[in-house]
């Protein structure tokens, strides 16, 4: 095993997840600053934020599965917190996907009420 492989093997799951969540936070901040002047802008922005929230949810899933595994070395309350964070990020991803669907419907010419009904039925 070369030193690169050894360094990768020495990284703990919580460290890996923390780094990934830091990247997600930076990507989320960047996406929040994207233009939102038009429906097309809002679609792009909402899709990007939905993808980041989905990725964040998956990383919290990694953490919660590790916390409940035999390798997990933390009290189970941390696993419970990770499950809650995973669920919240998943809800955020759904919200932003619905927002993208709403703006997509508006761009297609649907009025506000039709677009809102369509966004929530996805």
PDB file of N, CA and C in Angstrom:
ATOM      1  N   UNK A   1       0.857  -1.178   0.000  1.00  0.00           N
ATOM      2  CA  UNK A   1       0.000   0.000   0.000  1.00  0.00           C
ATOM      3  C   UNK A   1       0.898   1.235   0.000  1.00  0.00           C
ATOM      4  N   UNK A   2       0.701   2.138  -0.978  1.00  0.00           N
ATOM      5  CA  UNK A   2       1.508   3.354  -0.984  1.00  0.00           C
ATOM      6  C   UNK A   2       0.948   4.362   0.007  1.00  0.00           C
ATOM      7  N   UNK A   3       1.648   5.479   0.174  1.00  0.00           N
ATOM      8  CA  UNK A   3       1.249   6.450   1.202  1.00  0.00           C
ATOM      9  C   UNK A   3      -0.102   7.085   0.902  1.00  0.00           C
ATOM     10  N   UNK A   4      -0.448   7.238  -0.370  1.00  0.00           N
ATOM     11  CA  UNK A   4      -1.750   7.799  -0.710  1.00  0.00           C
ATOM     12  C   UNK A   4      -2.864   6.877  -0.230  1.00  0.00           C
ATOM     13  N   UNK A   5      -2.706   5.580  -0.482  1.00  0.00           N
ATOM     14  CA  UNK A   5      -3.700   4.613  -0.026  1.00  0.00           C
ATOM     15  C   UNK A   5      -3.767   4.587   1.494  1.00  0.00           C
ATOM     16  N   UNK A   6      -2.639   4.690   2.163  1.00  0.00           N
ATOM     17  CA  UNK A   6      -2.609   4.671   3.622  1.00  0.00           C
ATOM     18  C   UNK A   6      -3.331   5.886   4.192  1.00  0.00           C
ATOM     19  N   UNK A   7      -3.092   7.061   3.607  1.00  0.00           N
ATOM     20  CA  UNK A   7      -3.773   8.265   4.096  1.00  0.00           C
ATOM     21  C   UNK A   7      -5.279   8.145   3.915  1.00  0.00           C
ATOM     22  N   UNK A   8      -5.709   7.591   2.790  1.00  0.00           N
ATOM     23  CA  UNK A   8      -7.145   7.408   2.552  1.00  0.00           C
ATOM     24  C   UNK A   8      -7.728   6.422   3.553  1.00  0.00           C
ATOM     25  N   UNK A   9      -6.984   5.399   3.884  1.00  0.00           N
ATOM     26  CA  UNK A   9      -7.466   4.398   4.837  1.00  0.00           C
ATOM     27  C   UNK A   9      -7.542   4.962   6.254  1.00  0.00           C
ATOM     28  N   UNK A  10      -6.755   5.985   6.553  1.00  0.00           N
ATOM     29  CA  UNK A  10      -6.729   6.573   7.892  1.00  0.00           C
ATOM     30  C   UNK A  10      -7.864   7.571   8.129  1.00  0.00           C
ATOM     31  N   UNK A  11      -8.596   7.951   7.098  1.00  0.00           N
ATOM     32  CA  UNK A  11      -9.682   8.915   7.244  1.00  0.00           C
ATOM     33  C   UNK A  11     -10.890   8.198   7.838  1.00  0.00           C
ATOM     34  N   UNK A  12     -11.431   8.760   8.907  1.00  0.00           N
ATOM     35  CA  UNK A  12     -12.604   8.162   9.546  1.00  0.00           C
ATOM     36  C   UNK A  12     -13.869   8.574   8.798  1.00  0.00           C
ATOM     37  N   UNK A  13     -14.922   7.822   8.993  1.00  0.00           N
ATOM     38  CA  UNK A  13     -16.204   8.138   8.350  1.00  0.00           C
ATOM     39  C   UNK A  13     -16.691   9.530   8.770  1.00  0.00           C
ATOM     40  N   UNK A  14     -16.677   9.869  10.066  1.00  0.00           N
ATOM     41  CA  UNK A  14     -17.123  11.226  10.430  1.00  0.00           C
ATOM     42  C   UNK A  14     -16.293  12.326   9.754  1.00  0.00           C
ATOM     43  N   UNK A  15     -14.997  12.112   9.608  1.00  0.00           N
ATOM     44  CA  UNK A  15     -14.153  13.105   8.937  1.00  0.00           C
ATOM     45  C   UNK A  15     -14.521  13.209   7.469  1.00  0.00           C
ATOM     46  N   UNK A  16     -14.712  12.074   6.828  1.00  0.00           N
ATOM     47  CA  UNK A  16     -15.109  12.051   5.423  1.00  0.00           C
ATOM     48  C   UNK A  16     -16.435  12.778   5.232  1.00  0.00           C
ATOM     49  N   UNK A  17     -17.405  12.498   6.093  1.00  0.00           N
ATOM     50  CA  UNK A  17     -18.723  13.126   5.995  1.00  0.00           C
ATOM     51  C   UNK A  17     -18.622  14.627   6.276  1.00  0.00           C
ATOM     52  N   UNK A  18     -17.842  15.003   7.283  1.00  0.00           N
ATOM     53  CA  UNK A  18     -17.683  16.434   7.596  1.00  0.00           C
ATOM     54  C   UNK A  18     -17.133  17.183   6.389  1.00  0.00           C
ATOM     55  N   UNK A  19     -16.125  16.622   5.749  1.00  0.00           N
ATOM     56  CA  UNK A  19     -15.540  17.273   4.568  1.00  0.00           C
ATOM     57  C   UNK A  19     -16.571  17.371   3.439  1.00  0.00           C
ATOM     58  N   UNK A  20     -17.319  16.312   3.231  1.00  0.00           N
ATOM     59  CA  UNK A  20     -18.328  16.317   2.171  1.00  0.00           C
ATOM     60  C   UNK A  20     -19.414  17.348   2.465  1.00  0.00           C
ATOM     61  N   UNK A  21     -19.839  17.421   3.733  1.00  0.00           N
ATOM     62  CA  UNK A  21     -20.873  18.399   4.098  1.00  0.00           C
ATOM     63  C   UNK A  21     -20.357  19.831   3.972  1.00  0.00           C
ATOM     64  N   UNK A  22     -19.067  20.034   4.216  1.00  0.00           N
ATOM     65  CA  UNK A  22     -18.492  21.363   4.007  1.00  0.00           C
ATOM     66  C   UNK A  22     -18.537  21.734   2.527  1.00  0.00           C
ATOM     67  N   UNK A  23     -18.243  20.760   1.659  1.00  0.00           N
ATOM     68  CA  UNK A  23     -18.339  21.017   0.220  1.00  0.00           C
ATOM     69  C   UNK A  23     -19.789  21.309  -0.166  1.00  0.00           C
ATOM     70  N   UNK A  24     -20.719  20.551   0.398  1.00  0.00           N
ATOM     71  CA  UNK A  24     -22.144  20.785   0.119  1.00  0.00           C
ATOM     72  C   UNK A  24     -22.554  22.191   0.549  1.00  0.00           C
ATOM     73  N   UNK A  25     -22.089  22.621   1.717  1.00  0.00           N
ATOM     74  CA  UNK A  25     -22.441  23.960   2.209  1.00  0.00           C
ATOM     75  C   UNK A  25     -21.912  25.041   1.271  1.00  0.00           C
ATOM     76  N   UNK A  26     -20.695  24.861   0.784  1.00  0.00           N
ATOM     77  CA  UNK A  26     -20.124  25.833  -0.159  1.00  0.00           C
ATOM     78  C   UNK A  26     -20.911  25.829  -1.467  1.00  0.00           C
ATOM     79  N   UNK A  27     -21.288  24.640  -1.956  1.00  0.00           N
ATOM     80  CA  UNK A  27     -22.069  24.543  -3.188  1.00  0.00           C
ATOM     81  C   UNK A  27     -23.461  25.148  -2.998  1.00  0.00           C
ATOM     82  N   UNK A  28     -24.051  24.942  -1.840  1.00  0.00           N
ATOM     83  CA  UNK A  28     -25.364  25.517  -1.537  1.00  0.00           C
ATOM     84  C   UNK A  28     -25.283  27.044  -1.530  1.00  0.00           C
ATOM     85  N   UNK A  29     -24.264  27.581  -0.861  1.00  0.00           N
ATOM     86  CA  UNK A  29     -24.088  29.038  -0.832  1.00  0.00           C
ATOM     87  C   UNK A  29     -23.925  29.592  -2.243  1.00  0.00           C
ATOM     88  N   UNK A  30     -23.150  28.905  -3.067  1.00  0.00           N
ATOM     89  CA  UNK A  30     -22.954  29.339  -4.447  1.00  0.00           C
ATOM     90  C   UNK A  30     -24.282  29.305  -5.215  1.00  0.00           C
ATOM     91  N   UNK A  31     -25.028  28.221  -5.054  1.00  0.00           N
ATOM     92  CA  UNK A  31     -26.307  28.085  -5.759  1.00  0.00           C
ATOM     93  C   UNK A  31     -27.305  29.136  -5.297  1.00  0.00           C
ATOM     94  N   UNK A  32     -27.306  29.467  -4.013  1.00  0.00           N
ATOM     95  CA  UNK A  32     -28.228  30.489  -3.500  1.00  0.00           C
ATOM     96  C   UNK A  32     -27.978  31.843  -4.156  1.00  0.00           C
ATOM     97  N   UNK A  33     -26.740  32.088  -4.562  1.00  0.00           N
ATOM     98  CA  UNK A  33     -26.393  33.373  -5.176  1.00  0.00           C
ATOM     99  C   UNK A  33     -26.621  33.396  -6.692  1.00  0.00           C
ATOM    100  N   UNK A  34     -27.106  32.291  -7.247  1.00  0.00           N
ATOM    101  CA  UNK A  34     -27.350  32.249  -8.692  1.00  0.00           C
ATOM    102  C   UNK A  34     -28.479  33.214  -9.057  1.00  0.00           C
ATOM    103  N   UNK A  35     -28.472  33.683 -10.304  1.00  0.00           N
ATOM    104  CA  UNK A  35     -29.525  34.617 -10.737  1.00  0.00           C
ATOM    105  C   UNK A  35     -30.916  34.000 -10.611  1.00  0.00           C
ATOM    106  N   UNK A  36     -31.904  34.862 -10.365  1.00  0.00           N
ATOM    107  CA  UNK A  36     -33.288  34.405 -10.277  1.00  0.00           C
ATOM    108  C   UNK A  36     -34.258  35.441 -10.859  1.00  0.00           C
ATOM    109  N   UNK A  37     -33.840  36.015 -11.967  1.00  0.00           N
ATOM    110  CA  UNK A  37     -34.657  37.038 -12.610  1.00  0.00           C
ATOM    111  C   UNK A  37     -35.760  36.459 -13.481  1.00  0.00           C
ATOM    112  N   UNK A  38     -35.520  35.279 -14.049  1.00  0.00           N
ATOM    113  CA  UNK A  38     -36.489  34.691 -14.972  1.00  0.00           C
ATOM    114  C   UNK A  38     -36.880  33.296 -14.490  1.00  0.00           C
ATOM    115  N   UNK A  39     -37.916  32.734 -15.114  1.00  0.00           N
ATOM    116  CA  UNK A  39     -38.296  31.364 -14.762  1.00  0.00           C
ATOM    117  C   UNK A  39     -37.155  30.399 -15.100  1.00  0.00           C
ATOM    118  N   UNK A  40     -36.476  30.632 -16.213  1.00  0.00           N
ATOM    119  CA  UNK A  40     -35.341  29.766 -16.582  1.00  0.00           C
ATOM    120  C   UNK A  40     -34.242  29.843 -15.518  1.00  0.00           C
ATOM    121  N   UNK A  41     -33.952  31.062 -15.040  1.00  0.00           N
ATOM    122  CA  UNK A  41     -32.969  31.221 -13.953  1.00  0.00           C
ATOM    123  C   UNK A  41     -33.408  30.442 -12.717  1.00  0.00           C
ATOM    124  N   UNK A  42     -34.681  30.585 -12.378  1.00  0.00           N
ATOM    125  CA  UNK A  42     -35.199  29.919 -11.177  1.00  0.00           C
ATOM    126  C   UNK A  42     -35.184  28.397 -11.309  1.00  0.00           C
ATOM    127  N   UNK A  43     -35.422  27.901 -12.508  1.00  0.00           N
ATOM    128  CA  UNK A  43     -35.364  26.456 -12.732  1.00  0.00           C
ATOM    129  C   UNK A  43     -33.943  25.958 -12.498  1.00  0.00           C
ATOM    130  N   UNK A  44     -32.990  26.626 -13.112  1.00  0.00           N
ATOM    131  CA  UNK A  44     -31.587  26.223 -12.975  1.00  0.00           C
ATOM    132  C   UNK A  44     -31.139  26.276 -11.520  1.00  0.00           C
ATOM    133  N   UNK A  45     -31.480  27.363 -10.859  1.00  0.00           N
ATOM    134  CA  UNK A  45     -31.096  27.545  -9.458  1.00  0.00           C
ATOM    135  C   UNK A  45     -31.737  26.487  -8.562  1.00  0.00           C
ATOM    136  N   UNK A  46     -33.051  26.271  -8.730  1.00  0.00           N
ATOM    137  CA  UNK A  46     -33.762  25.302  -7.889  1.00  0.00           C
ATOM    138  C   UNK A  46     -33.246  23.882  -8.129  1.00  0.00           C
ATOM    139  N   UNK A  47     -32.979  23.544  -9.394  1.00  0.00           N
ATOM    140  CA  UNK A  47     -32.438  22.206  -9.680  1.00  0.00           C
ATOM    141  C   UNK A  47     -31.063  22.015  -9.042  1.00  0.00           C
ATOM    142  N   UNK A  48     -30.248  23.037  -9.082  1.00  0.00           N
ATOM    143  CA  UNK A  48     -28.905  22.951  -8.481  1.00  0.00           C
ATOM    144  C   UNK A  48     -29.020  22.784  -6.968  1.00  0.00           C
ATOM    145  N   UNK A  49     -29.881  23.579  -6.334  1.00  0.00           N
ATOM    146  CA  UNK A  49     -30.047  23.475  -4.888  1.00  0.00           C
ATOM    147  C   UNK A  49     -30.639  22.115  -4.516  1.00  0.00           C
ATOM    148  N   UNK A  50     -31.601  21.626  -5.293  1.00  0.00           N
ATOM    149  CA  UNK A  50     -32.178  20.302  -5.029  1.00  0.00           C
ATOM    150  C   UNK A  50     -31.103  19.223  -5.082  1.00  0.00           C
ATOM    151  N   UNK A  51     -30.218  19.313  -6.061  1.00  0.00           N
ATOM    152  CA  UNK A  51     -29.144  18.324  -6.190  1.00  0.00           C
ATOM    153  C   UNK A  51     -28.196  18.380  -4.994  1.00  0.00           C
ATOM    154  N   UNK A  52     -27.881  19.584  -4.546  1.00  0.00           N
ATOM    155  CA  UNK A  52     -26.990  19.733  -3.387  1.00  0.00           C
ATOM    156  C   UNK A  52     -27.666  19.174  -2.129  1.00  0.00           C
ATOM    157  N   UNK A  53     -28.946  19.479  -1.944  1.00  0.00           N
ATOM    158  CA  UNK A  53     -29.669  18.969  -0.773  1.00  0.00           C
ATOM    159  C   UNK A  53     -29.769  17.443  -0.812  1.00  0.00           C
ATOM    160  N   UNK A  54     -29.978  16.887  -1.992  1.00  0.00           N
ATOM    161  CA  UNK A  54     -30.016  15.434  -2.132  1.00  0.00           C
ATOM    162  C   UNK A  54     -28.661  14.829  -1.755  1.00  0.00           C
ATOM    163  N   UNK A  55     -27.590  15.435  -2.238  1.00  0.00           N
ATOM    164  CA  UNK A  55     -26.238  14.967  -1.912  1.00  0.00           C
ATOM    165  C   UNK A  55     -25.996  15.057  -0.405  1.00  0.00           C
ATOM    166  N   UNK A  56     -26.405  16.167   0.199  1.00  0.00           N
ATOM    167  CA  UNK A  56     -26.260  16.346   1.642  1.00  0.00           C
ATOM    168  C   UNK A  56     -27.018  15.249   2.393  1.00  0.00           C
ATOM    169  N   UNK A  57     -28.225  14.961   1.966  1.00  0.00           N
ATOM    170  CA  UNK A  57     -29.026  13.906   2.586  1.00  0.00           C
ATOM    171  C   UNK A  57     -28.297  12.568   2.524  1.00  0.00           C
ATOM    172  N   UNK A  58     -27.712  12.278   1.382  1.00  0.00           N
ATOM    173  CA  UNK A  58     -26.991  11.004   1.227  1.00  0.00           C
ATOM    174  C   UNK A  58     -25.785  10.927   2.161  1.00  0.00           C
ATOM    175  N   UNK A  59     -25.091  12.038   2.338  1.00  0.00           N
ATOM    176  CA  UNK A  59     -23.942  12.031   3.256  1.00  0.00           C
ATOM    177  C   UNK A  59     -24.395  11.831   4.702  1.00  0.00           C
ATOM    178  N   UNK A  60     -25.508  12.458   5.076  1.00  0.00           N
ATOM    179  CA  UNK A  60     -26.031  12.202   6.420  1.00  0.00           C
ATOM    180  C   UNK A  60     -26.450  10.743   6.562  1.00  0.00           C
ATOM    181  N   UNK A  61     -26.911  10.144   5.479  1.00  0.00           N
ATOM    182  CA  UNK A  61     -27.232   8.719   5.498  1.00  0.00           C
ATOM    183  C   UNK A  61     -26.009   7.861   5.756  1.00  0.00           C
ATOM    184  N   UNK A  62     -24.899   8.235   5.147  1.00  0.00           N
ATOM    185  CA  UNK A  62     -23.633   7.531   5.405  1.00  0.00           C
ATOM    186  C   UNK A  62     -23.299   7.618   6.893  1.00  0.00           C
ATOM    187  N   UNK A  63     -23.444   8.820   7.447  1.00  0.00           N
ATOM    188  CA  UNK A  63     -23.119   9.014   8.859  1.00  0.00           C
ATOM    189  C   UNK A  63     -24.060   8.227   9.763  1.00  0.00           C
ATOM    190  N   UNK A  64     -25.347   8.233   9.463  1.00  0.00           N
ATOM    191  CA  UNK A  64     -26.286   7.523  10.343  1.00  0.00           C
ATOM    192  C   UNK A  64     -26.059   6.008  10.259  1.00  0.00           C
ATOM    193  N   UNK A  65     -25.773   5.490   9.063  1.00  0.00           N
ATOM    194  CA  UNK A  65     -25.502   4.047   8.968  1.00  0.00           C
ATOM    195  C   UNK A  65     -24.214   3.678   9.705  1.00  0.00           C
ATOM    196  N   UNK A  66     -23.210   4.539   9.634  1.00  0.00           N
ATOM    197  CA  UNK A  66     -21.960   4.274  10.355  1.00  0.00           C
ATOM    198  C   UNK A  66     -22.210   4.302  11.865  1.00  0.00           C
ATOM    199  N   UNK A  67     -22.989   5.278  12.327  1.00  0.00           N
ATOM    200  CA  UNK A  67     -23.230   5.415  13.781  1.00  0.00           C
ATOM    201  C   UNK A  67     -23.881   4.159  14.357  1.00  0.00           C
ATOM    202  N   UNK A  68     -24.718   3.504  13.576  1.00  0.00           N
ATOM    203  CA  UNK A  68     -25.407   2.299  14.044  1.00  0.00           C
ATOM    204  C   UNK A  68     -24.665   1.007  13.687  1.00  0.00           C
ATOM    205  N   UNK A  69     -23.520   1.132  13.027  1.00  0.00           N
ATOM    206  CA  UNK A  69     -22.752  -0.053  12.654  1.00  0.00           C
ATOM    207  C   UNK A  69     -21.836  -0.469  13.801  1.00  0.00           C
ATOM    208  N   UNK A  70     -21.280  -1.657  13.737  1.00  0.00           N
ATOM    209  CA  UNK A  70     -20.321  -2.079  14.774  1.00  0.00           C
ATOM    210  C   UNK A  70     -19.085  -1.177  14.832  1.00  0.00           C
ATOM    211  N   UNK A  71     -18.759  -0.511  13.713  1.00  0.00           N
ATOM    212  CA  UNK A  71     -17.600   0.400  13.700  1.00  0.00           C
ATOM    213  C   UNK A  71     -17.919   1.757  14.314  1.00  0.00           C
ATOM    214  N   UNK A  72     -19.190   2.067  14.465  1.00  0.00           N
ATOM    215  CA  UNK A  72     -19.579   3.356  15.035  1.00  0.00           C
ATOM    216  C   UNK A  72     -19.132   3.452  16.479  1.00  0.00           C
ATOM    217  N   UNK A  73     -18.503   4.558  16.807  1.00  0.00           N
ATOM    218  CA  UNK A  73     -17.927   4.714  18.148  1.00  0.00           C
ATOM    219  C   UNK A  73     -18.534   5.899  18.886  1.00  0.00           C
ATOM    220  N   UNK A  74     -19.772   6.226  18.551  1.00  0.00           N
ATOM    221  CA  UNK A  74     -20.435   7.367  19.177  1.00  0.00           C
ATOM    222  C   UNK A  74     -21.720   6.904  19.838  1.00  0.00           C
ATOM    223  N   UNK A  75     -22.208   7.654  20.822  1.00  0.00           N
ATOM    224  CA  UNK A  75     -23.509   7.306  21.402  1.00  0.00           C
ATOM    225  C   UNK A  75     -24.595   7.317  20.320  1.00  0.00           C
ATOM    226  N   UNK A  76     -25.601   6.488  20.483  1.00  0.00           N
ATOM    227  CA  UNK A  76     -26.645   6.338  19.471  1.00  0.00           C
ATOM    228  C   UNK A  76     -27.424   7.621  19.212  1.00  0.00           C
ATOM    229  N   UNK A  77     -27.401   8.545  20.154  1.00  0.00           N
ATOM    230  CA  UNK A  77     -28.093   9.816  19.939  1.00  0.00           C
ATOM    231  C   UNK A  77     -27.526  10.533  18.715  1.00  0.00           C
ATOM    232  N   UNK A  78     -26.254  10.319  18.410  1.00  0.00           N
ATOM    233  CA  UNK A  78     -25.668  10.930  17.222  1.00  0.00           C
ATOM    234  C   UNK A  78     -26.234  10.305  15.952  1.00  0.00           C
ATOM    235  N   UNK A  79     -26.504   9.010  16.005  1.00  0.00           N
ATOM    236  CA  UNK A  79     -27.167   8.354  14.881  1.00  0.00           C
ATOM    237  C   UNK A  79     -28.563   8.907  14.679  1.00  0.00           C
ATOM    238  N   UNK A  80     -29.273   9.126  15.783  1.00  0.00           N
ATOM    239  CA  UNK A  80     -30.614   9.695  15.694  1.00  0.00           C
ATOM    240  C   UNK A  80     -30.574  11.104  15.096  1.00  0.00           C
ATOM    241  N   UNK A  81     -29.585  11.879  15.499  1.00  0.00           N
ATOM    242  CA  UNK A  81     -29.441  13.235  14.955  1.00  0.00           C
ATOM    243  C   UNK A  81     -29.116  13.182  13.464  1.00  0.00           C
ATOM    244  N   UNK A  82     -28.299  12.232  13.076  1.00  0.00           N
ATOM    245  CA  UNK A  82     -27.959  12.090  11.655  1.00  0.00           C
ATOM    246  C   UNK A  82     -29.195  11.685  10.848  1.00  0.00           C
ATOM    247  N   UNK A  83     -30.034  10.814  11.407  1.00  0.00           N
ATOM    248  CA  UNK A  83     -31.270  10.428  10.718  1.00  0.00           C
ATOM    249  C   UNK A  83     -32.163  11.649  10.525  1.00  0.00           C
ATOM    250  N   UNK A  84     -32.270  12.474  11.547  1.00  0.00           N
ATOM    251  CA  UNK A  84     -33.098  13.686  11.455  1.00  0.00           C
ATOM    252  C   UNK A  84     -32.531  14.648  10.412  1.00  0.00           C
ATOM    253  N   UNK A  85     -31.217  14.819  10.404  1.00  0.00           N
ATOM    254  CA  UNK A  85     -30.580  15.707   9.419  1.00  0.00           C
ATOM    255  C   UNK A  85     -30.768  15.157   8.008  1.00  0.00           C
ATOM    256  N   UNK A  86     -30.676  13.844   7.861  1.00  0.00           N
ATOM    257  CA  UNK A  86     -30.893  13.214   6.562  1.00  0.00           C
ATOM    258  C   UNK A  86     -32.317  13.492   6.071  1.00  0.00           C
ATOM    259  N   UNK A  87     -33.286  13.341   6.954  1.00  0.00           N
ATOM    260  CA  UNK A  87     -34.684  13.574   6.614  1.00  0.00           C
ATOM    261  C   UNK A  87     -34.936  15.039   6.242  1.00  0.00           C
ATOM    262  N   UNK A  88     -34.361  15.956   7.004  1.00  0.00           N
ATOM    263  CA  UNK A  88     -34.532  17.390   6.714  1.00  0.00           C
ATOM    264  C   UNK A  88     -33.925  17.751   5.356  1.00  0.00           C
ATOM    265  N   UNK A  89     -32.743  17.229   5.068  1.00  0.00           N
ATOM    266  CA  UNK A  89     -32.103  17.513   3.782  1.00  0.00           C
ATOM    267  C   UNK A  89     -32.914  16.913   2.637  1.00  0.00           C
ATOM    268  N   UNK A  90     -33.500  15.734   2.872  1.00  0.00           N
ATOM    269  CA  UNK A  90     -34.346  15.095   1.857  1.00  0.00           C
ATOM    270  C   UNK A  90     -35.587  15.965   1.597  1.00  0.00           C
ATOM    271  N   UNK A  91     -36.179  16.503   2.648  1.00  0.00           N
ATOM    272  CA  UNK A  91     -37.338  17.398   2.499  1.00  0.00           C
ATOM    273  C   UNK A  91     -36.950  18.659   1.741  1.00  0.00           C
ATOM    274  N   UNK A  92     -35.787  19.197   2.053  1.00  0.00           N
ATOM    275  CA  UNK A  92     -35.304  20.382   1.329  1.00  0.00           C
ATOM    276  C   UNK A  92     -35.138  20.071  -0.157  1.00  0.00           C
ATOM    277  N   UNK A  93     -34.592  18.898  -0.464  1.00  0.00           N
ATOM    278  CA  UNK A  93     -34.401  18.510  -1.867  1.00  0.00           C
ATOM    279  C   UNK A  93     -35.751  18.428  -2.581  1.00  0.00           C
ATOM    280  N   UNK A  94     -36.744  17.857  -1.911  1.00  0.00           N
ATOM    281  CA  UNK A  94     -38.085  17.773  -2.514  1.00  0.00           C
ATOM    282  C   UNK A  94     -38.677  19.167  -2.732  1.00  0.00           C
ATOM    283  N   UNK A  95     -38.507  20.059  -1.750  1.00  0.00           N
ATOM    284  CA  UNK A  95     -39.012  21.425  -1.889  1.00  0.00           C
ATOM    285  C   UNK A  95     -38.407  22.097  -3.123  1.00  0.00           C
ATOM    286  N   UNK A  96     -37.089  21.994  -3.270  1.00  0.00           N
ATOM    287  CA  UNK A  96     -36.430  22.669  -4.381  1.00  0.00           C
ATOM    288  C   UNK A  96     -36.765  22.010  -5.719  1.00  0.00           C
ATOM    289  N   UNK A  97     -36.971  20.705  -5.727  1.00  0.00           N
ATOM    290  CA  UNK A  97     -37.416  20.032  -6.956  1.00  0.00           C
ATOM    291  C   UNK A  97     -38.822  20.511  -7.327  1.00  0.00           C
ATOM    292  N   UNK A  98     -39.692  20.668  -6.336  1.00  0.00           N
ATOM    293  CA  UNK A  98     -41.036  21.200  -6.580  1.00  0.00           C
ATOM    294  C   UNK A  98     -40.972  22.639  -7.086  1.00  0.00           C
ATOM    295  N   UNK A  99     -40.048  23.408  -6.536  1.00  0.00           N
ATOM    296  CA  UNK A  99     -39.881  24.789  -6.985  1.00  0.00           C
ATOM    297  C   UNK A  99     -39.458  24.822  -8.448  1.00  0.00           C
ATOM    298  N   UNK A 100     -38.542  23.952  -8.823  1.00  0.00           N
ATOM    299  CA  UNK A 100     -38.117  23.877 -10.232  1.00  0.00           C
ATOM    300  C   UNK A 100     -39.298  23.488 -11.117  1.00  0.00           C
ATOM    301  N   UNK A 101     -40.118  22.536 -10.662  1.00  0.00           N
ATOM    302  CA  UNK A 101     -41.292  22.111 -11.438  1.00  0.00           C
ATOM    303  C   UNK A 101     -42.285  23.258 -11.590  1.00  0.00           C
ATOM    304  N   UNK A 102     -42.466  24.028 -10.535  1.00  0.00           N
ATOM    305  CA  UNK A 102     -43.369  25.184 -10.587  1.00  0.00           C
ATOM    306  C   UNK A 102     -42.892  26.172 -11.659  1.00  0.00           C
ATOM    307  N   UNK A 103     -41.620  26.524 -11.626  1.00  0.00           N
ATOM    308  CA  UNK A 103     -41.091  27.497 -12.588  1.00  0.00           C
ATOM    309  C   UNK A 103     -41.082  26.925 -14.006  1.00  0.00           C
ATOM    310  N   UNK A 104     -40.888  25.617 -14.128  1.00  0.00           N
ATOM    311  CA  UNK A 104     -40.953  24.971 -15.436  1.00  0.00           C
ATOM    312  C   UNK A 104     -42.376  25.103 -16.007  1.00  0.00           C
ATOM    313  N   UNK A 105     -43.371  24.903 -15.150  1.00  0.00           N
ATOM    314  CA  UNK A 105     -44.766  25.047 -15.590  1.00  0.00           C
ATOM    315  C   UNK A 105     -45.072  26.492 -15.963  1.00  0.00           C
ATOM    316  N   UNK A 106     -44.564  27.426 -15.173  1.00  0.00           N
ATOM    317  CA  UNK A 106     -44.787  28.848 -15.492  1.00  0.00           C
ATOM    318  C   UNK A 106     -44.119  29.204 -16.811  1.00  0.00           C
ATOM    319  N   UNK A 107     -42.928  28.682 -17.042  1.00  0.00           N
ATOM    320  CA  UNK A 107     -42.217  28.942 -18.296  1.00  0.00           C
ATOM    321  C   UNK A 107     -42.993  28.362 -19.482  1.00  0.00           C
ATOM    322  N   UNK A 108     -43.692  27.255 -19.252  1.00  0.00           N
ATOM    323  CA  UNK A 108     -44.489  26.622 -20.303  1.00  0.00           C
ATOM    324  C   UNK A 108     -45.814  27.348 -20.539  1.00  0.00           C
ATOM    325  N   UNK A 109     -46.072  28.390 -19.746  1.00  0.00           N
ATOM    326  CA  UNK A 109     -47.257  29.205 -19.974  1.00  0.00           C
ATOM    327  C   UNK A 109     -48.432  28.925 -19.067  1.00  0.00           C
ATOM    328  N   UNK A 110     -48.273  28.059 -18.086  1.00  0.00           N
ATOM    329  CA  UNK A 110     -49.369  27.795 -17.155  1.00  0.00           C
ATOM    330  C   UNK A 110     -49.513  28.964 -16.193  1.00  0.00           C
ATOM    331  N   UNK A 111     -50.754  29.248 -15.794  1.00  0.00           N
ATOM    332  CA  UNK A 111     -50.944  30.326 -14.822  1.00  0.00           C
ATOM    333  C   UNK A 111     -50.492  29.849 -13.438  1.00  0.00           C
ATOM    334  N   UNK A 112     -50.506  30.771 -12.504  1.00  0.00           N
ATOM    335  CA  UNK A 112     -49.976  30.498 -11.154  1.00  0.00           C
ATOM    336  C   UNK A 112     -50.642  29.287 -10.510  1.00  0.00           C
ATOM    337  N   UNK A 113     -51.983  29.223 -10.568  1.00  0.00           N
ATOM    338  CA  UNK A 113     -52.696  28.118  -9.907  1.00  0.00           C
ATOM    339  C   UNK A 113     -52.404  26.781 -10.567  1.00  0.00           C
ATOM    340  N   UNK A 114     -52.394  26.742 -11.879  1.00  0.00           N
ATOM    341  CA  UNK A 114     -52.075  25.494 -12.584  1.00  0.00           C
ATOM    342  C   UNK A 114     -50.651  25.055 -12.278  1.00  0.00           C
ATOM    343  N   UNK A 115     -49.744  25.995 -12.266  1.00  0.00           N
ATOM    344  CA  UNK A 115     -48.337  25.680 -12.010  1.00  0.00           C
ATOM    345  C   UNK A 115     -48.162  25.143 -10.595  1.00  0.00           C
ATOM    346  N   UNK A 116     -48.855  25.749  -9.636  1.00  0.00           N
ATOM    347  CA  UNK A 116     -48.717  25.315  -8.250  1.00  0.00           C
ATOM    348  C   UNK A 116     -49.287  23.907  -8.079  1.00  0.00           C
ATOM    349  N   UNK A 117     -50.408  23.612  -8.686  1.00  0.00           N
ATOM    350  CA  UNK A 117     -50.985  22.277  -8.601  1.00  0.00           C
ATOM    351  C   UNK A 117     -50.038  21.266  -9.226  1.00  0.00           C
ATOM    352  N   UNK A 118     -49.468  21.607 -10.365  1.00  0.00           N
ATOM    353  CA  UNK A 118     -48.531  20.707 -11.034  1.00  0.00           C
ATOM    354  C   UNK A 118     -47.279  20.464 -10.227  1.00  0.00           C
ATOM    355  N   UNK A 119     -46.772  21.497  -9.573  1.00  0.00           N
ATOM    356  CA  UNK A 119     -45.530  21.371  -8.785  1.00  0.00           C
ATOM    357  C   UNK A 119     -45.740  20.424  -7.618  1.00  0.00           C
ATOM    358  N   UNK A 120     -46.904  20.480  -6.977  1.00  0.00           N
ATOM    359  CA  UNK A 120     -47.112  19.650  -5.798  1.00  0.00           C
ATOM    360  C   UNK A 120     -47.573  18.242  -6.137  1.00  0.00           C
ATOM    361  N   UNK A 121     -47.880  17.992  -7.407  1.00  0.00           N
ATOM    362  CA  UNK A 121     -48.320  16.648  -7.771  1.00  0.00           C
ATOM    363  C   UNK A 121     -47.183  15.796  -8.331  1.00  0.00           C
ATOM    364  N   UNK A 122     -45.943  16.320  -8.331  1.00  0.00           N
ATOM    365  CA  UNK A 122     -44.819  15.548  -8.848  1.00  0.00           C
ATOM    366  C   UNK A 122     -44.325  14.537  -7.862  1.00  0.00           C
TER     367      UNK A 122
END
